[in-house]
Amino acid sequence: MIRVLIADDHPVVRKGLIQILCESADIQVVAEATSAQQVLDRLANASNGGTETSIDVVVMDVGMPGRSGLEVLPDIHRDYPKLPVLILSQYPAEQIAVRAIKTGAAGYLNKEGAPEQLVAAVVSLSQGRRYLTDEVAELLASTIKGGFAAAHEALSNRELDVLRLIASGKTVSEIAESMNLSVKTISTYRTRILQKMSLSTNAALTTYAIRNGIVQ
């Protein structure tokens, strides 16, 4: 039996993922989390012989309150180096997939993918293999070969999250509230983003994000 932890802050999405996975006789969802901190808490509880059973695979959304899925990946990889993590995202693969794999994910799937892909990915990860779609494999190969790096590649995972929210029309205050950070901290991130990308206004950030598929 493959024991899975599902991490997503949207109840409807979580229930959908659970339903898909539990249709397989070999998969059991044994824990749920709605934030990065809850993921770490569930894993710690399981590893310490707590109320939750051991976990074989983590299926985790990128966008969660507070720290994002990408930000907590290094912590999981450090504390549980043999535990595979499948990253899910609603964003285009070219914006998240390679970054996720390089950060420590064992697989990546877009949320618009077919249900059978999710099951296949969980099974592959539980057997010690990576799960990469053809699109992600090509992106990864292109990155390894080198070439032109887009301006946003210089951003940290948190900065990329802030860029995406700015380009979506969110104010600094709204972003601060959604990420559980101070307005001052978000303003600092905004300044760093503008400097790293050689841009000067939110409008320029938004235009860049739309042209590069960071937001739709």
N, C-alpha and C. Protein backbone atom coordinates (compact mmCIF):
# COMPACT_ATOMS: atom_id res chain seq x y z
N MET A 1 0.84 -1.20 0.00
CA MET A 1 0.00 0.00 0.00
C MET A 1 0.87 1.24 0.00
N ILE A 2 0.61 2.17 -0.91
CA ILE A 2 1.35 3.43 -0.99
C ILE A 2 0.63 4.47 -0.15
N ARG A 3 1.32 4.98 0.88
CA ARG A 3 0.70 5.93 1.81
C ARG A 3 1.08 7.36 1.39
N VAL A 4 0.04 8.19 1.20
CA VAL A 4 0.24 9.51 0.60
C VAL A 4 -0.22 10.63 1.53
N LEU A 5 0.53 11.74 1.53
CA LEU A 5 0.12 12.97 2.19
C LEU A 5 -0.27 13.95 1.09
N ILE A 6 -1.47 14.51 1.19
CA ILE A 6 -1.95 15.51 0.23
C ILE A 6 -1.87 16.90 0.88
N ALA A 7 -1.20 17.84 0.19
CA ALA A 7 -1.08 19.20 0.72
C ALA A 7 -1.64 20.20 -0.29
N ASP A 8 -2.76 20.81 0.06
CA ASP A 8 -3.39 21.83 -0.78
C ASP A 8 -4.34 22.62 0.11
N ASP A 9 -4.34 23.93 -0.04
CA ASP A 9 -5.16 24.74 0.87
C ASP A 9 -6.61 24.85 0.44
N HIS A 10 -6.97 24.29 -0.72
CA HIS A 10 -8.36 24.34 -1.18
C HIS A 10 -9.06 23.01 -0.89
N PRO A 11 -10.07 23.01 -0.02
CA PRO A 11 -10.75 21.77 0.36
C PRO A 11 -11.31 20.99 -0.83
N VAL A 12 -11.89 21.69 -1.80
CA VAL A 12 -12.47 21.00 -2.96
C VAL A 12 -11.39 20.29 -3.76
N VAL A 13 -10.27 20.98 -3.96
CA VAL A 13 -9.15 20.37 -4.70
C VAL A 13 -8.62 19.16 -3.94
N ARG A 14 -8.44 19.30 -2.63
CA ARG A 14 -7.94 18.20 -1.81
C ARG A 14 -8.83 16.98 -1.92
N LYS A 15 -10.12 17.20 -1.81
CA LYS A 15 -11.06 16.08 -1.88
C LYS A 15 -11.03 15.43 -3.26
N GLY A 16 -10.85 16.25 -4.31
CA GLY A 16 -10.75 15.71 -5.65
C GLY A 16 -9.52 14.84 -5.82
N LEU A 17 -8.40 15.31 -5.29
CA LEU A 17 -7.16 14.54 -5.37
C LEU A 17 -7.29 13.22 -4.60
N ILE A 18 -7.90 13.31 -3.44
CA ILE A 18 -8.08 12.10 -2.62
C ILE A 18 -8.96 11.10 -3.35
N GLN A 19 -10.02 11.58 -3.96
CA GLN A 19 -10.93 10.69 -4.68
C GLN A 19 -10.21 9.99 -5.83
N ILE A 20 -9.40 10.75 -6.57
CA ILE A 20 -8.67 10.17 -7.69
C ILE A 20 -7.71 9.09 -7.21
N LEU A 21 -6.94 9.40 -6.18
CA LEU A 21 -5.93 8.46 -5.71
C LEU A 21 -6.54 7.23 -5.06
N CYS A 22 -7.63 7.42 -4.33
CA CYS A 22 -8.22 6.30 -3.61
C CYS A 22 -8.98 5.34 -4.52
N GLU A 23 -9.15 5.72 -5.79
CA GLU A 23 -9.74 4.78 -6.74
C GLU A 23 -8.76 3.66 -7.08
N SER A 24 -7.48 3.88 -6.78
CA SER A 24 -6.47 2.84 -6.95
C SER A 24 -6.40 2.00 -5.69
N ALA A 25 -6.46 0.70 -5.84
CA ALA A 25 -6.44 -0.20 -4.68
C ALA A 25 -5.10 -0.18 -3.97
N ASP A 26 -4.07 0.35 -4.62
CA ASP A 26 -2.72 0.33 -4.04
C ASP A 26 -2.34 1.62 -3.36
N ILE A 27 -3.25 2.60 -3.34
CA ILE A 27 -2.93 3.92 -2.78
C ILE A 27 -3.89 4.28 -1.66
N GLN A 28 -3.35 4.82 -0.59
CA GLN A 28 -4.17 5.27 0.53
C GLN A 28 -3.70 6.66 0.98
N VAL A 29 -4.62 7.62 1.05
CA VAL A 29 -4.28 8.94 1.55
C VAL A 29 -4.40 8.90 3.07
N VAL A 30 -3.26 9.06 3.74
CA VAL A 30 -3.23 8.89 5.20
C VAL A 30 -3.12 10.22 5.95
N ALA A 31 -2.86 11.32 5.22
CA ALA A 31 -2.72 12.61 5.90
C ALA A 31 -3.04 13.74 4.92
N GLU A 32 -3.52 14.85 5.47
CA GLU A 32 -3.81 16.04 4.68
C GLU A 32 -3.16 17.25 5.34
N ALA A 33 -2.82 18.25 4.53
CA ALA A 33 -2.25 19.49 5.05
C ALA A 33 -2.74 20.65 4.20
N THR A 34 -2.87 21.82 4.84
CA THR A 34 -3.34 23.00 4.13
C THR A 34 -2.27 24.09 4.04
N SER A 35 -1.09 23.83 4.59
CA SER A 35 0.00 24.80 4.55
C SER A 35 1.34 24.08 4.62
N ALA A 36 2.41 24.80 4.32
CA ALA A 36 3.74 24.22 4.38
C ALA A 36 4.07 23.76 5.80
N GLN A 37 3.70 24.56 6.79
CA GLN A 37 3.99 24.18 8.17
C GLN A 37 3.25 22.92 8.56
N GLN A 38 2.02 22.78 8.10
CA GLN A 38 1.28 21.54 8.39
C GLN A 38 1.93 20.33 7.74
N VAL A 39 2.49 20.52 6.56
CA VAL A 39 3.21 19.42 5.92
C VAL A 39 4.34 18.95 6.82
N LEU A 40 5.15 19.89 7.30
CA LEU A 40 6.27 19.54 8.17
C LEU A 40 5.78 18.90 9.47
N ASP A 41 4.67 19.41 10.02
CA ASP A 41 4.11 18.84 11.25
C ASP A 41 3.64 17.40 11.03
N ARG A 42 2.94 17.16 9.91
CA ARG A 42 2.45 15.82 9.62
C ARG A 42 3.61 14.83 9.43
N LEU A 43 4.64 15.28 8.74
CA LEU A 43 5.80 14.41 8.50
C LEU A 43 6.54 14.11 9.80
N ALA A 44 6.69 15.12 10.64
CA ALA A 44 7.37 14.93 11.92
C ALA A 44 6.58 13.96 12.80
N ASN A 45 5.27 14.11 12.81
CA ASN A 45 4.41 13.23 13.61
C ASN A 45 4.53 11.79 13.14
N ALA A 46 4.52 11.62 11.81
CA ALA A 46 4.61 10.27 11.24
C ALA A 46 5.96 9.63 11.53
N SER A 47 7.04 10.40 11.39
CA SER A 47 8.38 9.85 11.59
C SER A 47 8.67 9.54 13.05
N ASN A 48 7.95 10.22 13.95
CA ASN A 48 8.14 9.99 15.38
C ASN A 48 7.19 8.96 15.95
N GLY A 49 6.48 8.27 15.04
CA GLY A 49 5.55 7.24 15.50
C GLY A 49 4.31 7.78 16.14
N GLY A 50 3.87 8.95 15.65
CA GLY A 50 2.68 9.58 16.21
C GLY A 50 1.40 8.91 15.74
N THR A 51 0.33 9.68 15.79
CA THR A 51 -0.98 9.11 15.45
C THR A 51 -1.10 8.79 13.97
N GLU A 52 -0.28 9.45 13.14
CA GLU A 52 -0.36 9.22 11.71
C GLU A 52 0.62 8.14 11.28
N THR A 53 0.20 7.33 10.33
CA THR A 53 1.06 6.26 9.84
C THR A 53 2.18 6.83 9.00
N SER A 54 3.16 5.99 8.65
CA SER A 54 4.29 6.45 7.85
C SER A 54 3.80 6.92 6.47
N ILE A 55 4.58 7.79 5.84
CA ILE A 55 4.20 8.39 4.56
C ILE A 55 5.23 8.04 3.50
N ASP A 56 4.75 7.59 2.33
CA ASP A 56 5.64 7.17 1.25
C ASP A 56 5.83 8.24 0.18
N VAL A 57 4.79 9.06 -0.05
CA VAL A 57 4.83 10.07 -1.10
C VAL A 57 4.07 11.31 -0.63
N VAL A 58 4.63 12.49 -0.93
CA VAL A 58 3.93 13.75 -0.65
C VAL A 58 3.48 14.34 -1.98
N VAL A 59 2.20 14.68 -2.07
CA VAL A 59 1.66 15.38 -3.24
C VAL A 59 1.32 16.79 -2.77
N MET A 60 2.05 17.78 -3.28
CA MET A 60 1.97 19.12 -2.70
C MET A 60 1.75 20.21 -3.75
N ASP A 61 0.80 21.09 -3.45
CA ASP A 61 0.53 22.24 -4.31
C ASP A 61 1.63 23.29 -4.14
N VAL A 62 1.89 24.05 -5.18
CA VAL A 62 2.87 25.12 -5.10
C VAL A 62 2.35 26.27 -4.26
N GLY A 63 1.13 26.73 -4.54
CA GLY A 63 0.61 27.93 -3.89
C GLY A 63 -0.18 27.62 -2.64
N MET A 64 0.42 27.88 -1.46
CA MET A 64 -0.27 27.69 -0.19
C MET A 64 -0.02 28.92 0.67
N PRO A 65 -0.86 29.16 1.68
CA PRO A 65 -0.67 30.32 2.54
C PRO A 65 0.69 30.28 3.23
N GLY A 66 1.28 31.45 3.44
CA GLY A 66 2.60 31.49 4.07
C GLY A 66 3.66 31.03 3.10
N ARG A 67 4.46 30.08 3.52
CA ARG A 67 5.52 29.55 2.65
C ARG A 67 4.90 28.71 1.53
N SER A 68 5.45 28.86 0.34
CA SER A 68 4.94 28.10 -0.81
C SER A 68 5.49 26.68 -0.79
N GLY A 69 4.91 25.85 -1.66
CA GLY A 69 5.41 24.49 -1.78
C GLY A 69 6.88 24.43 -2.16
N LEU A 70 7.29 25.33 -3.04
CA LEU A 70 8.70 25.36 -3.45
C LEU A 70 9.61 25.76 -2.29
N GLU A 71 9.13 26.65 -1.44
CA GLU A 71 9.96 27.11 -0.33
C GLU A 71 10.17 26.03 0.73
N VAL A 72 9.20 25.16 0.90
CA VAL A 72 9.34 24.12 1.93
C VAL A 72 10.04 22.87 1.40
N LEU A 73 10.19 22.77 0.08
CA LEU A 73 10.85 21.60 -0.51
C LEU A 73 12.24 21.34 0.07
N PRO A 74 13.11 22.35 0.17
CA PRO A 74 14.44 22.08 0.74
C PRO A 74 14.40 21.52 2.15
N ASP A 75 13.43 21.98 2.95
CA ASP A 75 13.29 21.46 4.32
C ASP A 75 12.93 19.97 4.30
N ILE A 76 11.99 19.62 3.43
CA ILE A 76 11.58 18.21 3.33
C ILE A 76 12.75 17.36 2.85
N HIS A 77 13.45 17.86 1.82
CA HIS A 77 14.57 17.11 1.26
C HIS A 77 15.69 16.93 2.29
N ARG A 78 15.89 17.94 3.12
CA ARG A 78 16.94 17.87 4.15
C ARG A 78 16.58 16.87 5.26
N ASP A 79 15.35 16.96 5.74
CA ASP A 79 14.96 16.12 6.88
C ASP A 79 14.52 14.72 6.48
N TYR A 80 14.01 14.58 5.24
CA TYR A 80 13.54 13.27 4.77
C TYR A 80 14.07 13.04 3.35
N PRO A 81 15.38 12.84 3.22
CA PRO A 81 16.01 12.78 1.89
C PRO A 81 15.48 11.68 0.97
N LYS A 82 14.89 10.66 1.52
CA LYS A 82 14.38 9.57 0.69
C LYS A 82 12.89 9.70 0.38
N LEU A 83 12.25 10.73 0.91
CA LEU A 83 10.81 10.92 0.71
C LEU A 83 10.56 11.70 -0.57
N PRO A 84 9.93 11.10 -1.56
CA PRO A 84 9.68 11.81 -2.83
C PRO A 84 8.49 12.76 -2.72
N VAL A 85 8.62 13.91 -3.40
CA VAL A 85 7.57 14.92 -3.40
C VAL A 85 7.13 15.18 -4.84
N LEU A 86 5.83 15.09 -5.07
CA LEU A 86 5.25 15.44 -6.37
C LEU A 86 4.65 16.83 -6.24
N ILE A 87 5.12 17.75 -7.06
CA ILE A 87 4.61 19.12 -7.04
C ILE A 87 3.48 19.28 -8.04
N LEU A 88 2.38 19.88 -7.58
CA LEU A 88 1.25 20.20 -8.46
C LEU A 88 1.16 21.71 -8.61
N SER A 89 0.77 22.17 -9.78
CA SER A 89 0.63 23.61 -10.00
C SER A 89 -0.40 23.89 -11.08
N GLN A 90 -1.04 25.04 -10.97
CA GLN A 90 -1.97 25.48 -12.01
C GLN A 90 -1.27 26.33 -13.05
N TYR A 91 0.01 26.66 -12.79
CA TYR A 91 0.76 27.53 -13.68
C TYR A 91 1.46 26.73 -14.78
N PRO A 92 1.82 27.39 -15.90
CA PRO A 92 2.48 26.70 -17.00
C PRO A 92 3.76 26.01 -16.55
N ALA A 93 4.04 24.86 -17.14
CA ALA A 93 5.21 24.08 -16.75
C ALA A 93 6.50 24.86 -16.89
N GLU A 94 6.59 25.69 -17.93
CA GLU A 94 7.84 26.40 -18.17
C GLU A 94 8.16 27.40 -17.06
N GLN A 95 7.19 27.76 -16.22
CA GLN A 95 7.42 28.71 -15.15
C GLN A 95 7.77 28.04 -13.83
N ILE A 96 7.33 26.81 -13.61
CA ILE A 96 7.47 26.18 -12.30
C ILE A 96 8.24 24.86 -12.34
N ALA A 97 8.04 24.05 -13.37
CA ALA A 97 8.51 22.68 -13.37
C ALA A 97 10.01 22.53 -13.13
N VAL A 98 10.82 23.21 -13.94
CA VAL A 98 12.27 23.08 -13.81
C VAL A 98 12.74 23.57 -12.45
N ARG A 99 12.17 24.67 -12.00
CA ARG A 99 12.52 25.21 -10.68
C ARG A 99 12.18 24.18 -9.58
N ALA A 100 11.03 23.53 -9.72
CA ALA A 100 10.63 22.53 -8.73
C ALA A 100 11.58 21.35 -8.69
N ILE A 101 11.94 20.84 -9.87
CA ILE A 101 12.85 19.69 -9.94
C ILE A 101 14.21 20.05 -9.37
N LYS A 102 14.72 21.23 -9.73
CA LYS A 102 16.02 21.66 -9.22
C LYS A 102 16.00 21.89 -7.71
N THR A 103 14.83 22.21 -7.17
CA THR A 103 14.71 22.46 -5.74
C THR A 103 14.58 21.17 -4.94
N GLY A 104 14.30 20.07 -5.62
CA GLY A 104 14.24 18.78 -4.91
C GLY A 104 13.02 17.94 -5.16
N ALA A 105 12.08 18.41 -5.98
CA ALA A 105 10.88 17.60 -6.28
C ALA A 105 11.27 16.40 -7.13
N ALA A 106 10.58 15.29 -6.92
CA ALA A 106 10.83 14.08 -7.70
C ALA A 106 9.92 14.02 -8.92
N GLY A 107 8.94 14.91 -8.97
CA GLY A 107 8.02 14.92 -10.10
C GLY A 107 7.21 16.20 -10.13
N TYR A 108 6.61 16.47 -11.28
CA TYR A 108 5.80 17.69 -11.44
C TYR A 108 4.61 17.37 -12.33
N LEU A 109 3.45 17.91 -11.95
CA LEU A 109 2.24 17.77 -12.77
C LEU A 109 1.46 19.06 -12.74
N ASN A 110 0.90 19.42 -13.88
CA ASN A 110 -0.03 20.53 -13.93
C ASN A 110 -1.39 20.02 -13.45
N LYS A 111 -2.13 20.85 -12.73
CA LYS A 111 -3.42 20.43 -12.19
C LYS A 111 -4.45 20.12 -13.27
N GLU A 112 -4.18 20.57 -14.48
CA GLU A 112 -5.10 20.29 -15.58
C GLU A 112 -4.82 18.94 -16.23
N GLY A 113 -3.82 18.23 -15.72
CA GLY A 113 -3.48 16.92 -16.28
C GLY A 113 -4.57 15.89 -16.02
N ALA A 114 -4.50 14.78 -16.74
CA ALA A 114 -5.48 13.70 -16.60
C ALA A 114 -5.33 13.00 -15.26
N PRO A 115 -6.43 12.53 -14.67
CA PRO A 115 -6.36 11.84 -13.38
C PRO A 115 -5.40 10.65 -13.38
N GLU A 116 -5.35 9.91 -14.50
CA GLU A 116 -4.46 8.75 -14.54
C GLU A 116 -2.99 9.14 -14.44
N GLN A 117 -2.67 10.39 -14.82
CA GLN A 117 -1.30 10.87 -14.68
C GLN A 117 -0.93 10.99 -13.21
N LEU A 118 -1.86 11.46 -12.40
CA LEU A 118 -1.61 11.61 -10.98
C LEU A 118 -1.33 10.26 -10.34
N VAL A 119 -2.14 9.28 -10.67
CA VAL A 119 -1.94 7.94 -10.12
C VAL A 119 -0.60 7.37 -10.58
N ALA A 120 -0.30 7.52 -11.86
CA ALA A 120 0.96 7.00 -12.40
C ALA A 120 2.15 7.69 -11.74
N ALA A 121 2.02 8.99 -11.49
CA ALA A 121 3.12 9.73 -10.86
C ALA A 121 3.37 9.23 -9.44
N VAL A 122 2.31 9.03 -8.67
CA VAL A 122 2.45 8.57 -7.29
C VAL A 122 3.08 7.17 -7.25
N VAL A 123 2.65 6.31 -8.14
CA VAL A 123 3.21 4.96 -8.20
C VAL A 123 4.69 5.02 -8.56
N SER A 124 5.05 5.82 -9.56
CA SER A 124 6.45 5.95 -9.98
C SER A 124 7.32 6.44 -8.83
N LEU A 125 6.85 7.49 -8.15
CA LEU A 125 7.64 8.04 -7.05
C LEU A 125 7.80 7.04 -5.92
N SER A 126 6.76 6.26 -5.65
CA SER A 126 6.84 5.28 -4.57
C SER A 126 7.85 4.17 -4.88
N GLN A 127 8.15 3.99 -6.16
CA GLN A 127 9.10 2.97 -6.59
C GLN A 127 10.51 3.54 -6.78
N GLY A 128 10.69 4.77 -6.35
CA GLY A 128 12.01 5.37 -6.41
C GLY A 128 12.36 6.01 -7.74
N ARG A 129 11.38 6.20 -8.60
CA ARG A 129 11.63 6.81 -9.90
C ARG A 129 11.06 8.23 -9.92
N ARG A 130 11.60 9.05 -10.81
CA ARG A 130 11.05 10.38 -11.03
C ARG A 130 9.83 10.27 -11.95
N TYR A 131 9.03 11.31 -11.95
CA TYR A 131 7.91 11.36 -12.90
C TYR A 131 7.95 12.70 -13.60
N LEU A 132 8.32 12.67 -14.89
CA LEU A 132 8.38 13.88 -15.69
C LEU A 132 7.59 13.66 -16.97
N THR A 133 6.68 14.56 -17.28
CA THR A 133 5.99 14.48 -18.56
C THR A 133 6.98 14.83 -19.66
N ASP A 134 6.63 14.54 -20.90
CA ASP A 134 7.52 14.85 -22.02
C ASP A 134 7.87 16.33 -22.06
N GLU A 135 6.86 17.17 -21.77
CA GLU A 135 7.08 18.62 -21.80
C GLU A 135 8.11 19.04 -20.76
N VAL A 136 7.98 18.51 -19.54
CA VAL A 136 8.91 18.87 -18.47
C VAL A 136 10.30 18.33 -18.76
N ALA A 137 10.39 17.12 -19.30
CA ALA A 137 11.68 16.54 -19.64
C ALA A 137 12.41 17.39 -20.67
N GLU A 138 11.68 17.89 -21.64
CA GLU A 138 12.28 18.75 -22.67
C GLU A 138 12.75 20.07 -22.06
N LEU A 139 11.95 20.63 -21.17
CA LEU A 139 12.34 21.88 -20.51
C LEU A 139 13.60 21.69 -19.69
N LEU A 140 13.66 20.57 -18.98
CA LEU A 140 14.82 20.28 -18.14
C LEU A 140 16.07 20.08 -19.00
N ALA A 141 15.90 19.38 -20.11
CA ALA A 141 17.04 19.14 -21.01
C ALA A 141 17.54 20.46 -21.59
N SER A 142 16.63 21.34 -21.94
CA SER A 142 17.01 22.63 -22.50
C SER A 142 17.78 23.46 -21.48
N THR A 143 17.37 23.37 -20.23
CA THR A 143 18.04 24.12 -19.17
C THR A 143 19.46 23.60 -18.97
N ILE A 144 19.60 22.28 -18.99
CA ILE A 144 20.92 21.68 -18.79
C ILE A 144 21.88 22.07 -19.91
N LYS A 145 21.36 22.14 -21.13
CA LYS A 145 22.19 22.51 -22.27
C LYS A 145 22.61 23.97 -22.22
N GLY A 146 21.89 24.76 -21.43
CA GLY A 146 22.23 26.17 -21.32
C GLY A 146 21.43 27.00 -22.29
N GLY A 147 21.84 28.23 -22.46
CA GLY A 147 21.12 29.11 -23.36
C GLY A 147 20.64 30.35 -22.62
N PHE A 148 19.78 31.11 -23.28
CA PHE A 148 19.29 32.36 -22.70
C PHE A 148 18.41 32.11 -21.48
N ALA A 149 18.69 32.81 -20.40
CA ALA A 149 17.90 32.68 -19.18
C ALA A 149 16.95 33.86 -19.08
N ALA A 150 15.68 33.58 -18.88
CA ALA A 150 14.70 34.64 -18.75
C ALA A 150 14.98 35.45 -17.49
N ALA A 151 14.55 36.71 -17.50
CA ALA A 151 14.85 37.61 -16.39
C ALA A 151 14.32 37.08 -15.06
N HIS A 152 13.14 36.45 -15.08
CA HIS A 152 12.55 35.99 -13.82
C HIS A 152 13.27 34.78 -13.22
N GLU A 153 14.17 34.15 -13.99
CA GLU A 153 14.93 33.02 -13.45
C GLU A 153 15.87 33.46 -12.33
N ALA A 154 16.17 34.75 -12.28
CA ALA A 154 17.05 35.26 -11.23
C ALA A 154 16.33 35.43 -9.90
N LEU A 155 15.01 35.30 -9.92
CA LEU A 155 14.22 35.51 -8.71
C LEU A 155 14.21 34.27 -7.82
N SER A 156 14.11 34.50 -6.52
CA SER A 156 13.93 33.39 -5.59
C SER A 156 12.50 32.88 -5.71
N ASN A 157 12.21 31.75 -5.09
CA ASN A 157 10.86 31.20 -5.14
C ASN A 157 9.84 32.17 -4.55
N ARG A 158 10.19 32.80 -3.42
CA ARG A 158 9.27 33.75 -2.79
C ARG A 158 9.08 34.98 -3.68
N GLU A 159 10.16 35.46 -4.28
CA GLU A 159 10.06 36.61 -5.17
C GLU A 159 9.19 36.31 -6.38
N LEU A 160 9.30 35.09 -6.90
CA LEU A 160 8.47 34.71 -8.03
C LEU A 160 6.99 34.70 -7.63
N ASP A 161 6.70 34.23 -6.42
CA ASP A 161 5.32 34.25 -5.93
C ASP A 161 4.79 35.68 -5.84
N VAL A 162 5.63 36.58 -5.33
CA VAL A 162 5.21 37.98 -5.21
C VAL A 162 5.01 38.60 -6.59
N LEU A 163 5.90 38.31 -7.52
CA LEU A 163 5.75 38.80 -8.90
C LEU A 163 4.42 38.35 -9.48
N ARG A 164 4.09 37.09 -9.30
CA ARG A 164 2.85 36.55 -9.86
C ARG A 164 1.63 37.27 -9.26
N LEU A 165 1.67 37.55 -7.97
CA LEU A 165 0.55 38.21 -7.31
C LEU A 165 0.44 39.68 -7.74
N ILE A 166 1.57 40.36 -7.87
CA ILE A 166 1.55 41.74 -8.36
C ILE A 166 0.95 41.79 -9.76
N ALA A 167 1.40 40.86 -10.60
CA ALA A 167 0.93 40.84 -11.99
C ALA A 167 -0.54 40.45 -12.07
N SER A 168 -1.06 39.81 -11.02
CA SER A 168 -2.48 39.44 -10.98
C SER A 168 -3.35 40.58 -10.51
N GLY A 169 -2.72 41.71 -10.18
CA GLY A 169 -3.48 42.89 -9.77
C GLY A 169 -3.63 43.08 -8.28
N LYS A 170 -2.95 42.27 -7.48
CA LYS A 170 -3.04 42.39 -6.03
C LYS A 170 -2.22 43.58 -5.53
N THR A 171 -2.72 44.25 -4.52
CA THR A 171 -1.97 45.35 -3.90
C THR A 171 -0.95 44.76 -2.93
N VAL A 172 -0.02 45.61 -2.49
CA VAL A 172 0.98 45.16 -1.52
C VAL A 172 0.31 44.67 -0.24
N SER A 173 -0.71 45.36 0.19
CA SER A 173 -1.42 44.97 1.42
C SER A 173 -2.11 43.63 1.24
N GLU A 174 -2.73 43.42 0.10
CA GLU A 174 -3.42 42.15 -0.17
C GLU A 174 -2.42 41.00 -0.23
N ILE A 175 -1.28 41.25 -0.85
CA ILE A 175 -0.25 40.21 -0.94
C ILE A 175 0.28 39.87 0.45
N ALA A 176 0.52 40.90 1.24
CA ALA A 176 1.02 40.69 2.61
C ALA A 176 0.05 39.83 3.42
N GLU A 177 -1.24 40.11 3.28
CA GLU A 177 -2.25 39.35 4.02
C GLU A 177 -2.31 37.90 3.54
N SER A 178 -2.26 37.69 2.23
CA SER A 178 -2.37 36.34 1.69
C SER A 178 -1.15 35.48 2.02
N MET A 179 0.02 36.13 2.19
CA MET A 179 1.25 35.39 2.44
C MET A 179 1.65 35.42 3.91
N ASN A 180 0.80 36.03 4.73
CA ASN A 180 1.07 36.13 6.17
C ASN A 180 2.40 36.82 6.46
N LEU A 181 2.67 37.88 5.71
CA LEU A 181 3.88 38.67 5.89
C LEU A 181 3.51 40.14 6.08
N SER A 182 4.47 40.94 6.50
CA SER A 182 4.20 42.36 6.70
C SER A 182 4.22 43.10 5.37
N VAL A 183 3.56 44.25 5.35
CA VAL A 183 3.56 45.09 4.15
C VAL A 183 4.99 45.53 3.83
N LYS A 184 5.78 45.82 4.85
CA LYS A 184 7.17 46.23 4.65
C LYS A 184 7.97 45.13 3.96
N THR A 185 7.75 43.89 4.37
CA THR A 185 8.47 42.77 3.77
C THR A 185 8.11 42.61 2.30
N ILE A 186 6.83 42.71 1.98
CA ILE A 186 6.40 42.58 0.59
C ILE A 186 6.96 43.73 -0.25
N SER A 187 6.99 44.93 0.32
CA SER A 187 7.55 46.08 -0.39
C SER A 187 9.03 45.85 -0.69
N THR A 188 9.73 45.22 0.25
CA THR A 188 11.14 44.91 0.04
C THR A 188 11.30 43.90 -1.09
N TYR A 189 10.43 42.88 -1.10
CA TYR A 189 10.48 41.89 -2.18
C TYR A 189 10.22 42.57 -3.53
N ARG A 190 9.25 43.47 -3.55
CA ARG A 190 8.91 44.18 -4.79
C ARG A 190 10.12 44.96 -5.31
N THR A 191 10.81 45.64 -4.41
CA THR A 191 11.99 46.41 -4.80
C THR A 191 13.07 45.50 -5.38
N ARG A 192 13.30 44.37 -4.74
CA ARG A 192 14.30 43.42 -5.22
C ARG A 192 13.94 42.88 -6.60
N ILE A 193 12.65 42.59 -6.79
CA ILE A 193 12.18 42.06 -8.07
C ILE A 193 12.45 43.07 -9.18
N LEU A 194 12.07 44.31 -8.93
CA LEU A 194 12.28 45.37 -9.93
C LEU A 194 13.76 45.52 -10.27
N GLN A 195 14.61 45.45 -9.25
CA GLN A 195 16.05 45.60 -9.47
C GLN A 195 16.61 44.42 -10.26
N LYS A 196 16.25 43.22 -9.88
CA LYS A 196 16.78 42.04 -10.55
C LYS A 196 16.33 41.94 -12.01
N MET A 197 15.13 42.45 -12.28
CA MET A 197 14.58 42.33 -13.62
C MET A 197 14.76 43.60 -14.45
N SER A 198 15.43 44.59 -13.84
CA SER A 198 15.70 45.87 -14.53
C SER A 198 14.41 46.53 -15.03
N LEU A 199 13.40 46.50 -14.17
CA LEU A 199 12.13 47.14 -14.48
C LEU A 199 11.86 48.22 -13.43
N SER A 200 10.87 49.07 -13.69
CA SER A 200 10.67 50.20 -12.78
C SER A 200 9.27 50.35 -12.22
N THR A 201 8.28 49.67 -12.80
CA THR A 201 6.90 49.84 -12.34
C THR A 201 6.15 48.51 -12.29
N ASN A 202 5.03 48.52 -11.55
CA ASN A 202 4.18 47.34 -11.51
C ASN A 202 3.61 47.03 -12.89
N ALA A 203 3.34 48.07 -13.65
CA ALA A 203 2.80 47.87 -15.00
C ALA A 203 3.80 47.11 -15.87
N ALA A 204 5.07 47.44 -15.72
CA ALA A 204 6.10 46.75 -16.49
C ALA A 204 6.21 45.29 -16.04
N LEU A 205 6.10 45.06 -14.74
CA LEU A 205 6.11 43.69 -14.23
C LEU A 205 4.94 42.89 -14.79
N THR A 206 3.79 43.52 -14.80
CA THR A 206 2.58 42.84 -15.30
C THR A 206 2.72 42.49 -16.77
N THR A 207 3.22 43.44 -17.54
CA THR A 207 3.41 43.19 -18.98
C THR A 207 4.38 42.03 -19.20
N TYR A 208 5.46 42.03 -18.44
CA TYR A 208 6.45 40.94 -18.56
C TYR A 208 5.81 39.60 -18.20
N ALA A 209 5.06 39.59 -17.09
CA ALA A 209 4.47 38.35 -16.61
C ALA A 209 3.48 37.77 -17.62
N ILE A 210 2.70 38.63 -18.25
CA ILE A 210 1.73 38.17 -19.25
C ILE A 210 2.45 37.62 -20.48
N ARG A 211 3.45 38.34 -20.94
CA ARG A 211 4.18 37.92 -22.14
C ARG A 211 4.91 36.61 -21.93
N ASN A 212 5.32 36.33 -20.70
CA ASN A 212 6.09 35.13 -20.42
C ASN A 212 5.26 34.01 -19.79
N GLY A 213 3.94 34.19 -19.77
CA GLY A 213 3.06 33.13 -19.30
C GLY A 213 3.07 32.91 -17.80
N ILE A 214 3.61 33.86 -17.04
CA ILE A 214 3.64 33.73 -15.58
C ILE A 214 2.23 33.91 -15.02
N VAL A 215 1.46 34.78 -15.64
CA VAL A 215 0.03 34.90 -15.36
C VAL A 215 -0.70 34.87 -16.68
N GLN A 216 -1.98 34.56 -16.62
CA GLN A 216 -2.76 34.45 -17.85
C GLN A 216 -3.94 35.42 -17.81
